[in-house]
């Protein structure tokens, strides 16, 4: 009984954490060779995107590229996962992206 309750609490916590995430497809892959420089390029690209959507006040807690890097066999850029500051910020960003 205790394990079931604990599992449900864990699942609820993970689901709540995911509500602040957005995944962006098609954002160009960074060209830098150093990890820090690639992360900086990703941050700069997302800031440009937010500016174009007039969402300059949205804060990003964490940014991550998902999957393995591009290769000759897989020429598509990897998706970018953004962990935003709040669910409200996520909703505003998605709403402005649709218009």
N, C-alpha and C. Protein backbone atom coordinates (compact mmCIF):
# COMPACT_ATOMS: atom_id res chain seq x y z
N UNK A 1 0.83 -1.19 0.00
CA UNK A 1 0.00 0.00 0.00
C UNK A 1 0.88 1.27 0.00
N UNK A 2 1.89 1.27 0.86
CA UNK A 2 2.77 2.44 0.98
C UNK A 2 3.51 2.68 -0.33
N UNK A 3 3.96 1.60 -0.99
CA UNK A 3 4.68 1.74 -2.26
C UNK A 3 3.80 2.34 -3.34
N UNK A 4 2.55 1.96 -3.38
CA UNK A 4 1.62 2.48 -4.39
C UNK A 4 1.44 3.98 -4.20
N UNK A 5 1.27 4.41 -2.99
CA UNK A 5 1.10 5.84 -2.70
C UNK A 5 2.36 6.61 -3.07
N UNK A 6 3.51 6.05 -2.74
CA UNK A 6 4.78 6.69 -3.05
C UNK A 6 4.98 6.79 -4.56
N UNK A 7 4.63 5.75 -5.32
CA UNK A 7 4.75 5.78 -6.77
C UNK A 7 3.84 6.85 -7.37
N UNK A 8 2.63 6.95 -6.86
CA UNK A 8 1.68 7.94 -7.38
C UNK A 8 2.19 9.36 -7.11
N UNK A 9 2.77 9.58 -5.94
CA UNK A 9 3.30 10.90 -5.62
C UNK A 9 4.47 11.25 -6.54
N UNK A 10 5.35 10.27 -6.80
CA UNK A 10 6.48 10.49 -7.70
C UNK A 10 6.00 10.84 -9.10
N UNK A 11 5.01 10.09 -9.58
CA UNK A 11 4.49 10.31 -10.93
C UNK A 11 3.86 11.70 -11.03
N UNK A 12 3.13 12.09 -10.02
CA UNK A 12 2.48 13.41 -10.01
C UNK A 12 3.52 14.52 -10.02
N UNK A 13 4.60 14.33 -9.26
CA UNK A 13 5.66 15.33 -9.20
C UNK A 13 6.36 15.47 -10.56
N UNK A 14 6.64 14.33 -11.23
CA UNK A 14 7.27 14.38 -12.55
C UNK A 14 6.37 15.05 -13.57
N UNK A 15 5.09 14.73 -13.54
CA UNK A 15 4.13 15.32 -14.48
C UNK A 15 4.04 16.82 -14.25
N UNK A 16 4.02 17.24 -13.00
CA UNK A 16 3.94 18.67 -12.69
C UNK A 16 5.18 19.40 -13.20
N UNK A 17 6.35 18.78 -13.09
CA UNK A 17 7.58 19.38 -13.57
C UNK A 17 7.61 19.52 -15.08
N UNK A 18 6.97 18.59 -15.79
CA UNK A 18 6.95 18.62 -17.25
C UNK A 18 6.02 19.70 -17.80
N UNK A 19 5.12 20.18 -17.00
CA UNK A 19 4.16 21.18 -17.48
C UNK A 19 4.83 22.49 -17.86
N UNK A 20 6.05 22.72 -17.41
CA UNK A 20 6.77 23.95 -17.72
C UNK A 20 7.66 23.80 -18.95
N UNK A 21 7.69 22.62 -19.56
CA UNK A 21 8.61 22.36 -20.67
C UNK A 21 7.99 22.63 -22.03
N UNK A 22 8.85 23.03 -22.96
CA UNK A 22 8.48 23.19 -24.37
C UNK A 22 9.60 22.55 -25.18
N UNK A 23 9.22 21.87 -26.25
CA UNK A 23 10.22 21.29 -27.16
C UNK A 23 10.10 22.01 -28.49
N UNK A 24 11.22 22.54 -28.96
CA UNK A 24 11.26 23.28 -30.22
C UNK A 24 11.97 22.43 -31.26
N UNK A 25 11.32 22.25 -32.40
CA UNK A 25 11.89 21.49 -33.50
C UNK A 25 12.35 22.45 -34.59
N UNK A 26 13.43 22.09 -35.27
CA UNK A 26 13.89 22.86 -36.42
C UNK A 26 14.82 24.01 -36.10
N UNK A 27 15.19 24.21 -34.85
CA UNK A 27 16.14 25.25 -34.49
C UNK A 27 17.52 24.80 -34.97
N UNK A 28 18.23 25.65 -35.73
CA UNK A 28 19.52 25.23 -36.29
C UNK A 28 20.50 24.73 -35.22
N UNK A 29 21.24 23.74 -35.59
CA UNK A 29 22.26 23.16 -34.70
C UNK A 29 23.41 24.16 -34.52
N UNK A 30 23.94 24.32 -33.31
CA UNK A 30 25.07 25.23 -33.10
C UNK A 30 26.30 24.77 -33.86
N UNK A 31 27.13 25.72 -34.26
CA UNK A 31 28.33 25.40 -35.04
C UNK A 31 29.59 25.34 -34.19
N UNK A 32 29.54 25.78 -32.95
CA UNK A 32 30.71 25.82 -32.08
C UNK A 32 31.18 24.40 -31.73
N UNK A 33 32.44 24.28 -31.39
CA UNK A 33 32.99 22.98 -31.04
C UNK A 33 32.97 22.73 -29.53
N UNK A 34 33.08 23.78 -28.75
CA UNK A 34 33.08 23.66 -27.29
C UNK A 34 31.64 23.60 -26.76
N UNK A 35 31.44 22.80 -25.74
CA UNK A 35 30.12 22.60 -25.15
C UNK A 35 29.51 23.92 -24.66
N UNK A 36 30.29 24.70 -23.95
CA UNK A 36 29.80 25.98 -23.41
C UNK A 36 29.38 26.93 -24.54
N UNK A 37 30.15 26.95 -25.62
CA UNK A 37 29.84 27.83 -26.74
C UNK A 37 28.58 27.38 -27.46
N UNK A 38 28.38 26.05 -27.57
CA UNK A 38 27.16 25.54 -28.20
C UNK A 38 25.94 25.91 -27.38
N UNK A 39 26.06 25.79 -26.06
CA UNK A 39 24.94 26.15 -25.17
C UNK A 39 24.63 27.64 -25.30
N UNK A 40 25.67 28.47 -25.38
CA UNK A 40 25.49 29.92 -25.55
C UNK A 40 24.76 30.22 -26.86
N UNK A 41 25.14 29.51 -27.94
CA UNK A 41 24.46 29.69 -29.23
C UNK A 41 22.99 29.32 -29.13
N UNK A 42 22.69 28.21 -28.44
CA UNK A 42 21.30 27.80 -28.26
C UNK A 42 20.52 28.85 -27.47
N UNK A 43 21.13 29.39 -26.44
CA UNK A 43 20.48 30.43 -25.64
C UNK A 43 20.21 31.66 -26.49
N UNK A 44 21.19 32.07 -27.28
CA UNK A 44 21.02 33.23 -28.15
C UNK A 44 19.90 33.01 -29.17
N UNK A 45 19.83 31.82 -29.76
CA UNK A 45 18.78 31.51 -30.72
C UNK A 45 17.40 31.54 -30.09
N UNK A 46 17.28 30.99 -28.88
CA UNK A 46 15.97 31.01 -28.21
C UNK A 46 15.58 32.43 -27.81
N UNK A 47 16.55 33.25 -27.42
CA UNK A 47 16.25 34.64 -27.09
C UNK A 47 15.75 35.39 -28.33
N UNK A 48 16.35 35.12 -29.49
CA UNK A 48 15.89 35.73 -30.73
C UNK A 48 14.46 35.29 -31.04
N UNK A 49 14.19 34.01 -30.84
CA UNK A 49 12.85 33.48 -31.08
C UNK A 49 11.84 34.13 -30.14
N UNK A 50 12.18 34.24 -28.86
CA UNK A 50 11.28 34.89 -27.89
C UNK A 50 11.04 36.35 -28.26
N UNK A 51 12.09 37.02 -28.72
CA UNK A 51 11.96 38.42 -29.12
C UNK A 51 11.01 38.54 -30.31
N UNK A 52 11.12 37.64 -31.27
CA UNK A 52 10.23 37.65 -32.43
C UNK A 52 8.78 37.40 -32.03
N UNK A 53 8.57 36.65 -30.96
CA UNK A 53 7.23 36.36 -30.47
C UNK A 53 6.77 37.38 -29.43
N UNK A 54 7.55 38.41 -29.20
CA UNK A 54 7.30 39.43 -28.16
C UNK A 54 7.10 38.79 -26.78
N UNK A 55 7.95 37.85 -26.46
CA UNK A 55 7.94 37.18 -25.16
C UNK A 55 9.28 37.37 -24.46
N UNK A 56 9.77 38.60 -24.45
CA UNK A 56 11.09 38.87 -23.87
C UNK A 56 11.14 38.62 -22.36
N UNK A 57 9.99 38.63 -21.70
CA UNK A 57 9.97 38.48 -20.24
C UNK A 57 9.95 37.01 -19.79
N UNK A 58 9.91 36.05 -20.72
CA UNK A 58 9.89 34.63 -20.37
C UNK A 58 11.28 34.19 -19.96
N UNK A 59 11.37 33.53 -18.81
CA UNK A 59 12.68 33.07 -18.34
C UNK A 59 12.83 31.57 -18.58
N UNK A 60 14.05 31.16 -18.92
CA UNK A 60 14.37 29.75 -19.17
C UNK A 60 15.26 29.27 -18.04
N UNK A 61 14.83 28.21 -17.35
CA UNK A 61 15.63 27.65 -16.27
C UNK A 61 16.74 26.75 -16.80
N UNK A 62 16.42 25.98 -17.85
CA UNK A 62 17.39 25.01 -18.38
C UNK A 62 17.10 24.77 -19.85
N UNK A 63 18.15 24.59 -20.64
CA UNK A 63 18.01 24.31 -22.07
C UNK A 63 18.85 23.08 -22.40
N UNK A 64 18.27 22.17 -23.20
CA UNK A 64 18.94 20.92 -23.53
C UNK A 64 18.63 20.51 -24.96
N UNK A 65 19.63 20.01 -25.68
CA UNK A 65 19.41 19.39 -26.99
C UNK A 65 19.12 17.92 -26.74
N UNK A 66 18.09 17.40 -27.39
CA UNK A 66 17.69 16.01 -27.21
C UNK A 66 18.24 15.13 -28.32
N UNK A 67 18.69 13.95 -27.96
CA UNK A 67 19.16 12.99 -28.96
C UNK A 67 20.61 13.17 -29.34
N UNK A 68 21.07 12.28 -30.22
CA UNK A 68 22.47 12.34 -30.65
C UNK A 68 22.69 13.49 -31.64
N UNK A 69 23.92 13.98 -31.72
CA UNK A 69 24.23 15.08 -32.66
C UNK A 69 23.98 14.68 -34.11
N UNK A 70 23.87 15.68 -34.98
CA UNK A 70 23.66 15.45 -36.40
C UNK A 70 24.83 14.68 -37.00
N UNK A 71 24.51 13.83 -37.97
CA UNK A 71 25.52 13.10 -38.73
C UNK A 71 25.14 13.15 -40.21
N UNK A 72 25.95 12.52 -41.05
CA UNK A 72 25.61 12.45 -42.47
C UNK A 72 24.34 11.64 -42.68
N UNK A 73 24.12 10.61 -41.86
CA UNK A 73 22.93 9.78 -41.98
C UNK A 73 21.69 10.48 -41.41
N UNK A 74 21.89 11.38 -40.46
CA UNK A 74 20.79 12.09 -39.82
C UNK A 74 21.04 13.59 -39.92
N UNK A 75 20.64 14.22 -41.03
CA UNK A 75 20.97 15.63 -41.25
C UNK A 75 20.06 16.63 -40.53
N UNK A 76 19.03 16.14 -39.83
CA UNK A 76 18.11 17.06 -39.16
C UNK A 76 18.68 17.54 -37.82
N UNK A 77 18.43 18.81 -37.49
CA UNK A 77 18.89 19.30 -36.18
C UNK A 77 18.11 18.65 -35.05
N UNK A 78 18.77 18.51 -33.92
CA UNK A 78 18.13 17.91 -32.75
C UNK A 78 17.10 18.87 -32.17
N UNK A 79 16.02 18.34 -31.58
CA UNK A 79 15.06 19.21 -30.90
C UNK A 79 15.69 19.85 -29.65
N UNK A 80 15.15 20.98 -29.26
CA UNK A 80 15.62 21.70 -28.08
C UNK A 80 14.52 21.67 -27.02
N UNK A 81 14.87 21.22 -25.81
CA UNK A 81 13.91 21.21 -24.71
C UNK A 81 14.20 22.41 -23.81
N UNK A 82 13.17 23.23 -23.60
CA UNK A 82 13.29 24.39 -22.72
C UNK A 82 12.49 24.14 -21.45
N UNK A 83 13.11 24.32 -20.32
CA UNK A 83 12.42 24.27 -19.03
C UNK A 83 12.17 25.71 -18.63
N UNK A 84 10.91 26.13 -18.74
CA UNK A 84 10.56 27.53 -18.48
C UNK A 84 10.29 27.76 -17.00
N UNK A 85 10.22 29.03 -16.62
CA UNK A 85 10.04 29.41 -15.23
C UNK A 85 8.71 29.01 -14.64
N UNK A 86 7.65 29.00 -15.47
CA UNK A 86 6.33 28.66 -14.95
C UNK A 86 5.45 28.12 -16.05
N UNK A 87 4.36 27.50 -15.65
CA UNK A 87 3.39 26.99 -16.61
C UNK A 87 2.70 28.15 -17.33
N UNK A 88 2.51 29.25 -16.63
CA UNK A 88 1.90 30.44 -17.23
C UNK A 88 2.77 30.99 -18.37
N UNK A 89 4.08 31.04 -18.15
CA UNK A 89 5.00 31.51 -19.19
C UNK A 89 4.94 30.58 -20.40
N UNK A 90 4.85 29.30 -20.15
CA UNK A 90 4.73 28.32 -21.24
C UNK A 90 3.47 28.57 -22.05
N UNK A 91 2.36 28.80 -21.37
CA UNK A 91 1.09 29.02 -22.05
C UNK A 91 1.12 30.30 -22.89
N UNK A 92 1.71 31.37 -22.34
CA UNK A 92 1.83 32.63 -23.09
C UNK A 92 2.66 32.43 -24.33
N UNK A 93 3.77 31.74 -24.20
CA UNK A 93 4.66 31.49 -25.33
C UNK A 93 3.96 30.68 -26.41
N UNK A 94 3.25 29.63 -26.02
CA UNK A 94 2.54 28.80 -26.99
C UNK A 94 1.41 29.57 -27.67
N UNK A 95 0.72 30.39 -26.92
CA UNK A 95 -0.37 31.18 -27.48
C UNK A 95 0.15 32.17 -28.53
N UNK A 96 1.25 32.82 -28.24
CA UNK A 96 1.82 33.79 -29.19
C UNK A 96 2.43 33.10 -30.40
N UNK A 97 2.91 31.89 -30.23
CA UNK A 97 3.49 31.16 -31.35
C UNK A 97 2.41 30.73 -32.35
N UNK A 98 1.18 30.53 -31.87
CA UNK A 98 0.10 30.11 -32.75
C UNK A 98 -0.43 31.24 -33.61
N UNK A 99 -0.27 32.48 -33.16
CA UNK A 99 -0.82 33.59 -33.93
C UNK A 99 0.13 34.13 -34.95
